[in-house]
C-alpha cells in the first residue's frame, strides 16, 4: 500500500506488447494479464534514498531485469509543504519503452467509505474494459455511475480509469466525514479503485486515486498523451494533494 508502481501501472493485455519489430512477453500476474508491472514490478523493489530533508525525500531505482525494454532509471520525490503533498515521478530509459508510474495510496478520510463523496473535473470519459478489467481500446462518455462532475457518494465497486478532456487537467475533490482532500495531476488518467479486491474486513474500506497513463496504452497508441520513453523523451509527471478540515474553505463541496 502507498507504494510506487512501475514500470507500467494498470493492466497490459496478455502480458505482452510490441515496440517496433520486437515482441515482449512478460510473466502474467493477474489471470493471463500483467498488472502493475508484474511480479518484478517496481513496488517490490528497494529504492535508494538519494536526498532526505525535513519535508522532502527523493528515491531512485535503476532496473534492467523487469522484462521491459532496456534499462530504466526512475526517481520519485515526495515533498510536504503545510497540508500539501507533492509527488513527482521521473524516468528515462536507454531503449524506447512504455512507462507509467503511480502511487497506490489508499485514502479513508474517516468513517465508512460510503460516507465519502468524490467530484472529478476535466474528465468526462472513461476507459472501457472487458470482464478481465483490461481495456477494449474504446474511450466512452461516462455513464451516470461514473459521472463525477458533481459530488457522488462512493457506493458499489469501482475500478475504472477516467480520461482527461482535451486541453484540461484532471482535478479531484474527495470529501470524508472529517477530512477532505483535493488532487491535481499532469497525468492523463485517474484510476478510481474502491479496494474491491482487498481481503476480508479491508474490502471497500478506502479508495485509491491512481494518477497514471491510461492502462494498456502500449497496445493502444491512439490513447491520449501516450509516448514511449527513452533518453530523449523522459517521463516527468507530478501530482499534488491538499488536505483540509471539512469546516475549512472548500469543505462544503458536496
C-alpha atoms as a PDB file:
ATOM      1  CA  UNK A   1       0.000   0.000   0.000  1.00  0.00           C
ATOM      2  CA  UNK A   2       1.139   3.546  -0.805  1.00  0.00           C
ATOM      3  CA  UNK A   3       3.897   2.018  -2.930  1.00  0.00           C
ATOM      4  CA  UNK A   4       5.336   3.452  -6.135  1.00  0.00           C
ATOM      5  CA  UNK A   5       4.091   1.360  -9.065  1.00  0.00           C
ATOM      6  CA  UNK A   6       6.012   0.769 -12.317  1.00  0.00           C
ATOM      7  CA  UNK A   7       7.186   0.146 -14.913  1.00  0.00           C
ATOM      8  CA  UNK A   8       3.570   0.305 -16.142  1.00  0.00           C
ATOM      9  CA  UNK A   9       0.622   0.945 -13.844  1.00  0.00           C
ATOM     10  CA  UNK A  10      -2.606  -0.885 -14.628  1.00  0.00           C
ATOM     11  CA  UNK A  11      -3.185  -3.952 -16.773  1.00  0.00           C
ATOM     12  CA  UNK A  12      -1.486  -4.971 -20.017  1.00  0.00           C
ATOM     13  CA  UNK A  13      -3.476  -7.441 -22.099  1.00  0.00           C
ATOM     14  CA  UNK A  14      -1.984 -10.939 -22.237  1.00  0.00           C
ATOM     15  CA  UNK A  15       1.151  -9.563 -20.532  1.00  0.00           C
ATOM     16  CA  UNK A  16       2.564  -8.756 -23.965  1.00  0.00           C
ATOM     17  CA  UNK A  17       3.273  -5.819 -26.256  1.00  0.00           C
ATOM     18  CA  UNK A  18       5.468  -4.810 -29.179  1.00  0.00           C
ATOM     19  CA  UNK A  19       7.962  -1.989 -29.569  1.00  0.00           C
ATOM     20  CA  UNK A  20       8.934  -1.651 -33.197  1.00  0.00           C
ATOM     21  CA  UNK A  21       9.582  -5.139 -34.548  1.00  0.00           C
ATOM     22  CA  UNK A  22      10.319  -6.659 -31.132  1.00  0.00           C
ATOM     23  CA  UNK A  23       7.675  -8.561 -29.179  1.00  0.00           C
ATOM     24  CA  UNK A  24       7.888  -8.573 -25.377  1.00  0.00           C
ATOM     25  CA  UNK A  25       6.140 -11.290 -23.365  1.00  0.00           C
ATOM     26  CA  UNK A  26       6.170 -10.970 -19.577  1.00  0.00           C
ATOM     27  CA  UNK A  27       5.030 -13.288 -16.794  1.00  0.00           C
ATOM     28  CA  UNK A  28       1.297 -12.725 -16.100  1.00  0.00           C
ATOM     29  CA  UNK A  29       0.234 -11.944 -12.542  1.00  0.00           C
ATOM     30  CA  UNK A  30      -3.473 -11.142 -12.998  1.00  0.00           C
ATOM     31  CA  UNK A  31      -5.032 -14.085 -14.769  1.00  0.00           C
ATOM     32  CA  UNK A  32      -3.361 -14.078 -18.184  1.00  0.00           C
ATOM     33  CA  UNK A  33      -2.600 -10.360 -17.971  1.00  0.00           C
ATOM     34  CA  UNK A  34       0.069  -8.155 -16.398  1.00  0.00           C
ATOM     35  CA  UNK A  35      -0.888  -5.854 -13.510  1.00  0.00           C
ATOM     36  CA  UNK A  36       1.273  -3.000 -12.181  1.00  0.00           C
ATOM     37  CA  UNK A  37       4.450  -4.275 -13.823  1.00  0.00           C
ATOM     38  CA  UNK A  38       4.039  -7.879 -12.676  1.00  0.00           C
ATOM     39  CA  UNK A  39       5.909  -9.924 -10.095  1.00  0.00           C
ATOM     40  CA  UNK A  40       9.101  -7.978 -10.852  1.00  0.00           C
ATOM     41  CA  UNK A  41       7.377  -4.617 -10.731  1.00  0.00           C
ATOM     42  CA  UNK A  42       8.882  -1.598  -9.033  1.00  0.00           C
ATOM     43  CA  UNK A  43       6.612  -1.806  -5.999  1.00  0.00           C
ATOM     44  CA  UNK A  44       8.572  -4.922  -4.943  1.00  0.00           C
ATOM     45  CA  UNK A  45      11.973  -3.215  -5.217  1.00  0.00           C
ATOM     46  CA  UNK A  46      14.162  -1.499  -2.660  1.00  0.00           C
ATOM     47  CA  UNK A  47      14.557   2.120  -3.751  1.00  0.00           C
ATOM     48  CA  UNK A  48      17.682   4.091  -2.887  1.00  0.00           C
ATOM     49  CA  UNK A  49      17.262   7.263  -0.836  1.00  0.00           C
ATOM     50  CA  UNK A  50      19.259   9.929  -2.684  1.00  0.00           C
ATOM     51  CA  UNK A  51      18.022  13.038  -0.871  1.00  0.00           C
ATOM     52  CA  UNK A  52      16.420  13.417   2.538  1.00  0.00           C
ATOM     53  CA  UNK A  53      15.368  16.642   4.196  1.00  0.00           C
ATOM     54  CA  UNK A  54      12.827  17.512   6.870  1.00  0.00           C
ATOM     55  CA  UNK A  55       9.939  17.847   4.434  1.00  0.00           C
ATOM     56  CA  UNK A  56      11.334  16.238   1.292  1.00  0.00           C
ATOM     57  CA  UNK A  57      12.666  12.846   0.242  1.00  0.00           C
ATOM     58  CA  UNK A  58      13.845  11.635  -3.162  1.00  0.00           C
ATOM     59  CA  UNK A  59      14.187   7.974  -4.119  1.00  0.00           C
ATOM     60  CA  UNK A  60      15.958   6.379  -7.084  1.00  0.00           C
ATOM     61  CA  UNK A  61      15.676   2.990  -8.770  1.00  0.00           C
ATOM     62  CA  UNK A  62      17.663   1.504 -11.664  1.00  0.00           C
ATOM     63  CA  UNK A  63      16.112  -1.596 -13.282  1.00  0.00           C
ATOM     64  CA  UNK A  64      17.037  -3.755 -16.261  1.00  0.00           C
ATOM     65  CA  UNK A  65      15.504  -7.102 -15.256  1.00  0.00           C
ATOM     66  CA  UNK A  66      11.752  -6.413 -15.143  1.00  0.00           C
ATOM     67  CA  UNK A  67      11.042  -7.757 -18.631  1.00  0.00           C
ATOM     68  CA  UNK A  68      10.528  -4.360 -20.254  1.00  0.00           C
ATOM     69  CA  UNK A  69      12.850  -2.889 -22.898  1.00  0.00           C
ATOM     70  CA  UNK A  70      16.201  -1.502 -21.839  1.00  0.00           C
ATOM     71  CA  UNK A  71      17.443  -0.125 -18.557  1.00  0.00           C
ATOM     72  CA  UNK A  72      15.174   2.280 -16.708  1.00  0.00           C
ATOM     73  CA  UNK A  73      16.349   4.854 -14.186  1.00  0.00           C
ATOM     74  CA  UNK A  74      13.398   6.138 -12.180  1.00  0.00           C
ATOM     75  CA  UNK A  75      13.031   8.736  -9.451  1.00  0.00           C
ATOM     76  CA  UNK A  76      10.184   9.765  -7.204  1.00  0.00           C
ATOM     77  CA  UNK A  77      10.197  12.810  -4.946  1.00  0.00           C
ATOM     78  CA  UNK A  78       7.774  13.392  -2.081  1.00  0.00           C
ATOM     79  CA  UNK A  79       7.594  16.948  -0.726  1.00  0.00           C
ATOM     80  CA  UNK A  80       5.383  18.293   2.059  1.00  0.00           C
ATOM     81  CA  UNK A  81       4.534  21.970   2.472  1.00  0.00           C
ATOM     82  CA  UNK A  82       1.904  22.711   5.081  1.00  0.00           C
ATOM     83  CA  UNK A  83      -1.001  20.393   4.305  1.00  0.00           C
ATOM     84  CA  UNK A  84       0.120  19.810   0.701  1.00  0.00           C
ATOM     85  CA  UNK A  85       1.854  16.672  -0.564  1.00  0.00           C
ATOM     86  CA  UNK A  86       3.555  16.849  -3.966  1.00  0.00           C
ATOM     87  CA  UNK A  87       4.708  13.690  -5.726  1.00  0.00           C
ATOM     88  CA  UNK A  88       6.952  13.937  -8.784  1.00  0.00           C
ATOM     89  CA  UNK A  89       7.620  10.863 -10.928  1.00  0.00           C
ATOM     90  CA  UNK A  90      10.548  10.806 -13.382  1.00  0.00           C
ATOM     91  CA  UNK A  91      12.090   8.150 -15.598  1.00  0.00           C
ATOM     92  CA  UNK A  92      14.487   7.740 -18.510  1.00  0.00           C
ATOM     93  CA  UNK A  93      15.352   4.568 -20.420  1.00  0.00           C
ATOM     94  CA  UNK A  94      18.188   3.619 -22.765  1.00  0.00           C
ATOM     95  CA  UNK A  95      15.754   1.961 -25.192  1.00  0.00           C
ATOM     96  CA  UNK A  96      12.227   3.008 -26.194  1.00  0.00           C
ATOM     97  CA  UNK A  97       9.905   1.641 -23.513  1.00  0.00           C
ATOM     98  CA  UNK A  98       6.417   2.095 -22.094  1.00  0.00           C
ATOM     99  CA  UNK A  99       6.448   3.836 -18.709  1.00  0.00           C
ATOM    100  CA  UNK A 100       3.515   4.724 -16.462  1.00  0.00           C
ATOM    101  CA  UNK A 101       4.214   5.382 -12.791  1.00  0.00           C
ATOM    102  CA  UNK A 102       1.733   5.965  -9.985  1.00  0.00           C
ATOM    103  CA  UNK A 103       1.349   5.971  -6.230  1.00  0.00           C
ATOM    104  CA  UNK A 104      -1.013   3.329  -4.847  1.00  0.00           C
ATOM    105  CA  UNK A 105      -2.117   5.044  -1.622  1.00  0.00           C
ATOM    106  CA  UNK A 106      -5.468   4.097  -0.078  1.00  0.00           C
ATOM    107  CA  UNK A 107      -7.495   7.007   1.311  1.00  0.00           C
ATOM    108  CA  UNK A 108     -10.058   6.851   4.086  1.00  0.00           C
ATOM    109  CA  UNK A 109     -10.907  10.300   5.423  1.00  0.00           C
ATOM    110  CA  UNK A 110     -12.845   8.996   8.423  1.00  0.00           C
ATOM    111  CA  UNK A 111     -15.736   6.566   8.803  1.00  0.00           C
ATOM    112  CA  UNK A 112     -17.265   4.342   6.137  1.00  0.00           C
ATOM    113  CA  UNK A 113     -16.251   4.653   2.503  1.00  0.00           C
ATOM    114  CA  UNK A 114     -19.897   5.158   1.531  1.00  0.00           C
ATOM    115  CA  UNK A 115     -19.806   8.373   3.568  1.00  0.00           C
ATOM    116  CA  UNK A 116     -17.211   9.784   1.158  1.00  0.00           C
ATOM    117  CA  UNK A 117     -18.136  11.982  -1.808  1.00  0.00           C
ATOM    118  CA  UNK A 118     -15.991  12.274  -4.944  1.00  0.00           C
ATOM    119  CA  UNK A 119     -16.046  15.004  -7.578  1.00  0.00           C
ATOM    120  CA  UNK A 120     -13.762  14.998 -10.628  1.00  0.00           C
ATOM    121  CA  UNK A 121     -13.347  17.806 -13.144  1.00  0.00           C
ATOM    122  CA  UNK A 122     -11.600  17.651 -16.503  1.00  0.00           C
ATOM    123  CA  UNK A 123     -12.515  14.006 -17.194  1.00  0.00           C
ATOM    124  CA  UNK A 124     -15.818  13.228 -18.911  1.00  0.00           C
ATOM    125  CA  UNK A 125     -14.735   9.923 -20.492  1.00  0.00           C
ATOM    126  CA  UNK A 126     -13.571   6.564 -19.171  1.00  0.00           C
ATOM    127  CA  UNK A 127     -11.595   3.591 -20.471  1.00  0.00           C
ATOM    128  CA  UNK A 128     -13.967   0.784 -21.411  1.00  0.00           C
ATOM    129  CA  UNK A 129     -12.804  -2.618 -20.100  1.00  0.00           C
ATOM    130  CA  UNK A 130     -13.817  -6.240 -20.575  1.00  0.00           C
ATOM    131  CA  UNK A 131     -14.675  -8.828 -17.913  1.00  0.00           C
ATOM    132  CA  UNK A 132     -10.966  -9.101 -17.039  1.00  0.00           C
ATOM    133  CA  UNK A 133     -10.806  -5.325 -16.432  1.00  0.00           C
ATOM    134  CA  UNK A 134      -8.491  -4.936 -19.432  1.00  0.00           C
ATOM    135  CA  UNK A 135      -9.117  -2.035 -21.853  1.00  0.00           C
ATOM    136  CA  UNK A 136     -11.008  -2.815 -25.047  1.00  0.00           C
ATOM    137  CA  UNK A 137      -9.412   0.139 -26.831  1.00  0.00           C
ATOM    138  CA  UNK A 138     -12.525   2.305 -26.644  1.00  0.00           C
ATOM    139  CA  UNK A 139     -12.898   5.558 -24.694  1.00  0.00           C
ATOM    140  CA  UNK A 140     -16.523   6.286 -23.871  1.00  0.00           C
ATOM    141  CA  UNK A 141     -18.532   9.052 -22.245  1.00  0.00           C
ATOM    142  CA  UNK A 142     -19.030   8.425 -18.545  1.00  0.00           C
ATOM    143  CA  UNK A 143     -22.385   6.818 -17.722  1.00  0.00           C
ATOM    144  CA  UNK A 144     -24.302   8.031 -14.695  1.00  0.00           C
ATOM    145  CA  UNK A 145     -22.493   5.782 -12.215  1.00  0.00           C
ATOM    146  CA  UNK A 146     -19.098   7.112 -13.400  1.00  0.00           C
ATOM    147  CA  UNK A 147     -20.125  10.738 -13.840  1.00  0.00           C
ATOM    148  CA  UNK A 148     -18.332  12.553 -11.033  1.00  0.00           C
ATOM    149  CA  UNK A 149     -18.837  16.040 -12.468  1.00  0.00           C
ATOM    150  CA  UNK A 150     -20.969  16.652  -9.365  1.00  0.00           C
ATOM    151  CA  UNK A 151     -20.138  15.148  -5.953  1.00  0.00           C
ATOM    152  CA  UNK A 152     -21.171  11.488  -5.835  1.00  0.00           C
ATOM    153  CA  UNK A 153     -21.144   9.014  -2.965  1.00  0.00           C
ATOM    154  CA  UNK A 154     -18.688   6.151  -3.310  1.00  0.00           C
ATOM    155  CA  UNK A 155     -21.122   3.245  -3.422  1.00  0.00           C
ATOM    156  CA  UNK A 156     -20.626  -0.003  -5.308  1.00  0.00           C
ATOM    157  CA  UNK A 157     -17.418  -1.490  -6.664  1.00  0.00           C
ATOM    158  CA  UNK A 158     -15.310   0.902  -8.727  1.00  0.00           C
ATOM    159  CA  UNK A 159     -12.156   0.083 -10.685  1.00  0.00           C
ATOM    160  CA  UNK A 160     -12.282   2.451 -13.647  1.00  0.00           C
ATOM    161  CA  UNK A 161      -9.896   4.868 -15.329  1.00  0.00           C
ATOM    162  CA  UNK A 162     -11.218   8.352 -16.069  1.00  0.00           C
ATOM    163  CA  UNK A 163      -9.683  10.123 -19.077  1.00  0.00           C
ATOM    164  CA  UNK A 164      -8.564  13.750 -19.219  1.00  0.00           C
ATOM    165  CA  UNK A 165     -10.538  16.036 -21.526  1.00  0.00           C
ATOM    166  CA  UNK A 166      -8.693  17.805 -24.355  1.00  0.00           C
ATOM    167  CA  UNK A 167      -6.868  20.864 -23.050  1.00  0.00           C
ATOM    168  CA  UNK A 168      -7.863  20.142 -19.445  1.00  0.00           C
ATOM    169  CA  UNK A 169      -6.189  18.917 -16.265  1.00  0.00           C
ATOM    170  CA  UNK A 170      -7.716  16.261 -14.051  1.00  0.00           C
ATOM    171  CA  UNK A 171      -8.692  17.586 -10.632  1.00  0.00           C
ATOM    172  CA  UNK A 172     -10.458  15.564  -7.945  1.00  0.00           C
ATOM    173  CA  UNK A 173     -12.136  16.516  -4.689  1.00  0.00           C
ATOM    174  CA  UNK A 174     -12.744  13.842  -2.041  1.00  0.00           C
ATOM    175  CA  UNK A 175     -14.822  14.725   0.998  1.00  0.00           C
ATOM    176  CA  UNK A 176     -14.903  12.465   4.035  1.00  0.00           C
ATOM    177  CA  UNK A 177     -16.816  12.786   7.288  1.00  0.00           C
ATOM    178  CA  UNK A 178     -13.890  14.541   8.998  1.00  0.00           C
ATOM    179  CA  UNK A 179     -11.285  15.500   6.409  1.00  0.00           C
ATOM    180  CA  UNK A 180     -11.336  16.475   2.743  1.00  0.00           C
ATOM    181  CA  UNK A 181      -8.666  16.478   0.061  1.00  0.00           C
ATOM    182  CA  UNK A 182      -8.043  17.989  -3.356  1.00  0.00           C
ATOM    183  CA  UNK A 183      -5.913  16.287  -6.002  1.00  0.00           C
ATOM    184  CA  UNK A 184      -4.480  17.702  -9.222  1.00  0.00           C
ATOM    185  CA  UNK A 185      -2.277  15.902 -11.723  1.00  0.00           C
ATOM    186  CA  UNK A 186      -0.466  16.345 -15.014  1.00  0.00           C
ATOM    187  CA  UNK A 187      -1.245  12.714 -15.840  1.00  0.00           C
ATOM    188  CA  UNK A 188      -3.913  11.895 -18.472  1.00  0.00           C
ATOM    189  CA  UNK A 189      -5.723   9.268 -16.399  1.00  0.00           C
ATOM    190  CA  UNK A 190      -7.217   8.787 -12.932  1.00  0.00           C
ATOM    191  CA  UNK A 191      -7.920   5.222 -11.812  1.00  0.00           C
ATOM    192  CA  UNK A 192     -10.685   5.209  -9.185  1.00  0.00           C
ATOM    193  CA  UNK A 193     -10.466   1.952  -7.219  1.00  0.00           C
ATOM    194  CA  UNK A 194     -12.540   1.225  -4.113  1.00  0.00           C
ATOM    195  CA  UNK A 195     -10.403  -1.613  -2.700  1.00  0.00           C
ATOM    196  CA  UNK A 196     -12.762  -4.233  -4.107  1.00  0.00           C
ATOM    197  CA  UNK A 197     -10.123  -6.972  -4.085  1.00  0.00           C
ATOM    198  CA  UNK A 198      -8.708  -6.491  -0.596  1.00  0.00           C
ATOM    199  CA  UNK A 199      -9.469  -9.475   1.650  1.00  0.00           C
ATOM    200  CA  UNK A 200     -11.955  -9.724   4.482  1.00  0.00           C
ATOM    201  CA  UNK A 201     -12.732  -6.662   6.553  1.00  0.00           C
ATOM    202  CA  UNK A 202     -10.383  -4.482   4.489  1.00  0.00           C
ATOM    203  CA  UNK A 203     -12.570  -4.721   1.392  1.00  0.00           C
ATOM    204  CA  UNK A 204     -14.133  -1.390   0.370  1.00  0.00           C
ATOM    205  CA  UNK A 205     -12.700   0.478   3.337  1.00  0.00           C
ATOM    206  CA  UNK A 206     -10.748   3.036   1.273  1.00  0.00           C
ATOM    207  CA  UNK A 207     -10.360   4.480  -2.212  1.00  0.00           C
ATOM    208  CA  UNK A 208      -7.303   4.741  -4.449  1.00  0.00           C
ATOM    209  CA  UNK A 209      -6.976   7.716  -6.784  1.00  0.00           C
ATOM    210  CA  UNK A 210      -4.179   6.497  -9.046  1.00  0.00           C
ATOM    211  CA  UNK A 211      -2.863   9.163 -11.421  1.00  0.00           C
ATOM    212  CA  UNK A 212      -1.298   7.492 -14.438  1.00  0.00           C
ATOM    213  CA  UNK A 213      -1.238   6.981 -18.182  1.00  0.00           C
ATOM    214  CA  UNK A 214      -4.241   5.048 -19.430  1.00  0.00           C
ATOM    215  CA  UNK A 215      -3.835   1.308 -18.788  1.00  0.00           C
ATOM    216  CA  UNK A 216      -2.613  -0.817 -21.709  1.00  0.00           C
ATOM    217  CA  UNK A 217      -1.691   2.313 -23.662  1.00  0.00           C
ATOM    218  CA  UNK A 218       1.264   0.447 -25.144  1.00  0.00           C
ATOM    219  CA  UNK A 219      -1.241  -1.689 -27.064  1.00  0.00           C
ATOM    220  CA  UNK A 220      -3.474   1.291 -27.918  1.00  0.00           C
ATOM    221  CA  UNK A 221      -1.296   4.100 -29.319  1.00  0.00           C
ATOM    222  CA  UNK A 222      -4.485   6.039 -30.069  1.00  0.00           C
ATOM    223  CA  UNK A 223      -4.929   6.686 -26.342  1.00  0.00           C
ATOM    224  CA  UNK A 224      -4.235  10.355 -25.472  1.00  0.00           C
ATOM    225  CA  UNK A 225      -0.844  11.630 -24.319  1.00  0.00           C
ATOM    226  CA  UNK A 226       0.885   8.313 -24.990  1.00  0.00           C
ATOM    227  CA  UNK A 227       4.557   8.233 -25.972  1.00  0.00           C
ATOM    228  CA  UNK A 228       7.302   5.708 -25.466  1.00  0.00           C
ATOM    229  CA  UNK A 229      10.025   6.892 -23.095  1.00  0.00           C
ATOM    230  CA  UNK A 230      13.732   6.976 -23.912  1.00  0.00           C
ATOM    231  CA  UNK A 231      16.762   9.174 -23.232  1.00  0.00           C
ATOM    232  CA  UNK A 232      15.384  11.971 -25.409  1.00  0.00           C
ATOM    233  CA  UNK A 233      11.768  11.653 -24.247  1.00  0.00           C
ATOM    234  CA  UNK A 234      11.850  11.444 -20.446  1.00  0.00           C
ATOM    235  CA  UNK A 235       8.862  10.672 -18.284  1.00  0.00           C
ATOM    236  CA  UNK A 236       8.045  13.546 -15.911  1.00  0.00           C
ATOM    237  CA  UNK A 237       4.703  13.940 -14.144  1.00  0.00           C
ATOM    238  CA  UNK A 238       3.504  15.428 -10.869  1.00  0.00           C
ATOM    239  CA  UNK A 239       0.511  15.022  -8.573  1.00  0.00           C
ATOM    240  CA  UNK A 240      -0.403  17.340  -5.703  1.00  0.00           C
ATOM    241  CA  UNK A 241      -2.766  16.586  -2.832  1.00  0.00           C
ATOM    242  CA  UNK A 242      -4.091  19.188  -0.386  1.00  0.00           C
ATOM    243  CA  UNK A 243      -5.755  18.124   2.869  1.00  0.00           C
ATOM    244  CA  UNK A 244      -8.087  20.290   4.950  1.00  0.00           C
ATOM    245  CA  UNK A 245     -10.840  20.013   7.530  1.00  0.00           C
ATOM    246  CA  UNK A 246     -14.425  19.864   6.308  1.00  0.00           C
ATOM    247  CA  UNK A 247     -15.155  23.160   8.065  1.00  0.00           C
ATOM    248  CA  UNK A 248     -12.366  24.953   6.178  1.00  0.00           C
ATOM    249  CA  UNK A 249     -12.685  26.757   2.848  1.00  0.00           C
ATOM    250  CA  UNK A 250     -13.885  24.338   0.189  1.00  0.00           C
ATOM    251  CA  UNK A 251     -15.150  21.869   2.766  1.00  0.00           C
ATOM    252  CA  UNK A 252     -18.735  22.386   1.663  1.00  0.00           C
ATOM    253  CA  UNK A 253     -18.149  20.942  -1.810  1.00  0.00           C
ATOM    254  CA  UNK A 254     -20.668  18.157  -1.510  1.00  0.00           C
END
